[in-house]
Amino acid sequence: MARNPKVAWQMLLLGCAAVIVAGWAWLALRSASGGGKPAAEGLVRVDMPATAARNSPIAAPVAMANLPALPDRVIAHVHQDYPLLTEVDFRCDAGGCAVTATIPPPTDDAFLKQRQEMLLGGLARTVAADGYTMLGPVRMDEVAFNVFHIRASVTPAQGQEQAR
């Protein structure tokens, strides 16, 4: 066996896996029997019923409320809150993630008021409700007369629950 390096590595990996499995089994048996020690102060232990653990499609519980929304959901919420925007998109690239859109020329005072509200914090609140934090003010580039392309750099918020 030692002459074939592939077999030697396989045996080494198999041995390591056996040690890890034995360790996990020992920990599981020890914690199931209580371990003889009192629970540490400030810790809460929650046991899942055996049927729920057996039927669960995931191995470990995940805090779904803390995950940021998918890009399509963010785009839909921006469209819903600010119908004045066109070409709304959510993309991530080497420069980070951002919500981008185009602001067409204003049509009336209500349009101007909604555009101002969006730029002064409304867009930040919309993306925050979907689990993202804006990394600064909205960047605006005039692409034609009174037509602006906006970019709001965002990052997933840490420990923030979705409001929607």
Protein backbone atom coordinates (compact mmCIF):
# COMPACT_ATOMS: atom_id res chain seq x y z
CA MET A 1 0.00 0.00 0.00
CA ALA A 2 2.77 2.44 0.83
CA ARG A 3 4.18 2.05 -2.68
CA ASN A 4 1.11 3.62 -4.31
CA PRO A 5 0.86 7.27 -3.17
CA LYS A 6 -2.79 7.52 -4.25
CA VAL A 7 -3.79 4.59 -2.04
CA ALA A 8 -1.73 6.00 0.83
CA TRP A 9 -3.57 9.35 0.61
CA GLN A 10 -6.91 7.59 0.42
CA MET A 11 -6.12 5.58 3.54
CA LEU A 12 -4.96 8.72 5.35
CA LEU A 13 -8.15 10.57 4.42
CA LEU A 14 -10.27 7.58 5.45
CA GLY A 15 -8.49 7.47 8.82
CA CYS A 16 -9.03 11.21 9.37
CA ALA A 17 -12.70 10.88 8.47
CA ALA A 18 -13.07 8.01 10.94
CA VAL A 19 -11.49 10.10 13.71
CA ILE A 20 -13.80 13.04 12.95
CA VAL A 21 -16.91 10.83 12.90
CA ALA A 22 -15.87 9.20 16.19
CA GLY A 23 -15.37 12.64 17.75
CA TRP A 24 -18.79 13.85 16.62
CA ALA A 25 -20.41 10.66 17.89
CA TRP A 26 -18.70 11.08 21.27
CA LEU A 27 -19.86 14.71 21.49
CA ALA A 28 -23.42 13.72 20.52
CA LEU A 29 -23.55 10.98 23.15
CA ARG A 30 -22.03 13.24 25.79
CA SER A 31 -24.47 16.10 25.14
CA ALA A 32 -27.44 13.68 24.96
CA SER A 33 -26.63 12.37 28.43
CA GLY A 34 -26.23 15.88 29.84
CA GLY A 35 -22.47 15.55 30.30
CA GLY A 36 -22.76 15.72 34.11
CA LYS A 37 -22.10 19.48 34.08
CA PRO A 38 -24.65 22.24 34.66
CA ALA A 39 -25.53 24.34 31.62
CA ALA A 40 -23.45 27.48 31.22
CA GLU A 41 -25.18 30.63 32.36
CA GLY A 42 -26.65 32.67 29.51
CA LEU A 43 -26.84 29.76 27.07
CA VAL A 44 -30.13 28.38 25.83
CA ARG A 45 -30.37 24.87 24.48
CA VAL A 46 -33.15 24.08 22.05
CA ASP A 47 -33.68 20.47 20.99
CA MET A 48 -35.56 19.63 17.79
CA PRO A 49 -38.01 16.75 17.98
CA ALA A 50 -36.66 13.62 16.26
CA THR A 51 -39.41 13.69 13.61
CA ALA A 52 -38.69 17.30 12.67
CA ALA A 53 -34.96 16.62 12.43
CA ARG A 54 -35.55 13.56 10.27
CA ASN A 55 -37.90 15.40 7.87
CA SER A 56 -35.90 18.63 7.71
CA PRO A 57 -34.38 19.23 4.25
CA ILE A 58 -31.51 21.24 5.74
CA ALA A 59 -28.98 20.02 8.26
CA ALA A 60 -28.67 23.17 10.37
CA PRO A 61 -31.22 25.89 11.14
CA VAL A 62 -30.72 29.07 9.14
CA ALA A 63 -31.98 32.50 10.14
CA MET A 64 -33.87 33.23 6.93
CA ALA A 65 -35.07 36.63 8.16
CA ASN A 66 -31.49 37.91 8.21
CA LEU A 67 -30.73 37.07 4.60
CA PRO A 68 -30.96 39.88 2.06
CA ALA A 69 -33.65 39.67 -0.61
CA LEU A 70 -32.90 38.35 -4.07
CA PRO A 71 -32.17 40.97 -6.76
CA ASP A 72 -35.55 40.48 -8.49
CA ARG A 73 -37.34 41.28 -5.24
CA VAL A 74 -35.25 44.43 -4.69
CA ILE A 75 -35.99 45.57 -8.26
CA ALA A 76 -39.73 44.95 -7.75
CA HIS A 77 -39.77 46.96 -4.51
CA VAL A 78 -37.87 49.88 -6.07
CA HIS A 79 -40.37 49.86 -8.99
CA GLN A 80 -43.26 49.74 -6.52
CA ASP A 81 -41.97 52.59 -4.33
CA TYR A 82 -40.65 54.75 -7.19
CA PRO A 83 -42.60 54.16 -10.42
CA LEU A 84 -40.92 57.25 -11.89
CA LEU A 85 -37.73 55.20 -12.41
CA THR A 86 -37.04 53.26 -15.59
CA GLU A 87 -34.44 50.58 -16.37
CA VAL A 88 -34.16 49.58 -12.67
CA ASP A 89 -31.51 46.93 -12.12
CA PHE A 90 -29.56 45.28 -9.30
CA ARG A 91 -26.10 43.98 -10.13
CA CYS A 92 -22.89 42.93 -8.45
CA ASP A 93 -19.50 43.24 -10.10
CA ALA A 94 -15.89 43.79 -9.09
CA GLY A 95 -16.85 47.22 -7.70
CA GLY A 96 -19.53 45.75 -5.41
CA CYS A 97 -23.33 45.60 -5.60
CA ALA A 98 -25.55 48.47 -6.70
CA VAL A 99 -29.08 49.45 -7.59
CA THR A 100 -29.09 51.36 -10.87
CA ALA A 101 -31.90 53.12 -12.71
CA THR A 102 -32.73 55.96 -15.06
CA ILE A 103 -34.70 59.04 -14.02
CA PRO A 104 -36.57 60.47 -17.02
CA PRO A 105 -37.26 64.21 -17.38
CA PRO A 106 -39.74 65.51 -14.79
CA THR A 107 -43.37 65.78 -15.82
CA ASP A 108 -44.80 67.84 -12.92
CA ASP A 109 -44.19 69.02 -9.34
CA ALA A 110 -45.31 65.68 -7.85
CA PHE A 111 -42.63 63.94 -9.92
CA LEU A 112 -39.97 66.37 -8.66
CA LYS A 113 -41.13 65.89 -5.07
CA GLN A 114 -40.97 62.08 -5.34
CA ARG A 115 -37.53 62.27 -7.00
CA GLN A 116 -36.23 64.47 -4.19
CA GLU A 117 -37.69 62.17 -1.50
CA MET A 118 -36.07 59.16 -3.21
CA LEU A 119 -32.65 60.81 -3.39
CA LEU A 120 -32.77 62.11 0.20
CA GLY A 121 -33.23 58.74 1.87
CA GLY A 122 -36.25 57.04 0.35
CA LEU A 123 -34.21 54.68 -1.82
CA ALA A 124 -32.01 53.84 1.18
CA ARG A 125 -35.12 52.90 3.20
CA THR A 126 -36.43 50.74 0.35
CA VAL A 127 -33.23 48.72 0.02
CA ALA A 128 -32.87 48.53 3.84
CA ALA A 129 -36.28 46.85 4.01
CA ASP A 130 -34.86 44.16 1.69
CA GLY A 131 -31.77 43.57 3.84
CA TYR A 132 -29.23 45.92 2.23
CA THR A 133 -27.39 49.03 3.43
CA MET A 134 -26.49 51.89 1.10
CA LEU A 135 -22.80 52.72 1.17
CA GLY A 136 -23.20 56.43 0.52
CA PRO A 137 -25.33 58.89 -1.38
CA VAL A 138 -26.94 58.11 -4.72
CA ARG A 139 -24.56 58.91 -7.57
CA MET A 140 -26.22 60.71 -10.49
CA ASP A 141 -24.85 61.09 -14.00
CA GLU A 142 -26.70 63.21 -16.57
CA VAL A 143 -26.87 61.06 -19.71
CA ALA A 144 -29.08 63.42 -21.74
CA PHE A 145 -30.82 66.73 -21.13
CA ASN A 146 -32.59 66.31 -17.76
CA VAL A 147 -32.22 62.48 -17.91
CA PHE A 148 -30.14 60.96 -15.14
CA HIS A 149 -28.64 57.53 -14.60
CA ILE A 150 -28.36 56.76 -10.87
CA ARG A 151 -26.24 54.25 -8.98
CA ALA A 152 -26.73 53.43 -5.31
CA SER A 153 -23.93 51.21 -3.98
CA VAL A 154 -25.27 48.65 -1.48
CA THR A 155 -24.03 45.83 0.71
CA PRO A 156 -25.94 43.15 2.62
CA ALA A 157 -26.90 44.51 6.05
CA GLN A 158 -25.55 42.63 9.05
CA GLY A 159 -28.12 41.35 11.57
CA GLN A 160 -31.02 43.31 10.11
CA GLU A 161 -34.41 41.65 9.64
CA GLN A 162 -36.39 42.19 6.48
CA ALA A 163 -39.39 44.43 6.91
CA ARG A 164 -41.25 43.07 3.89
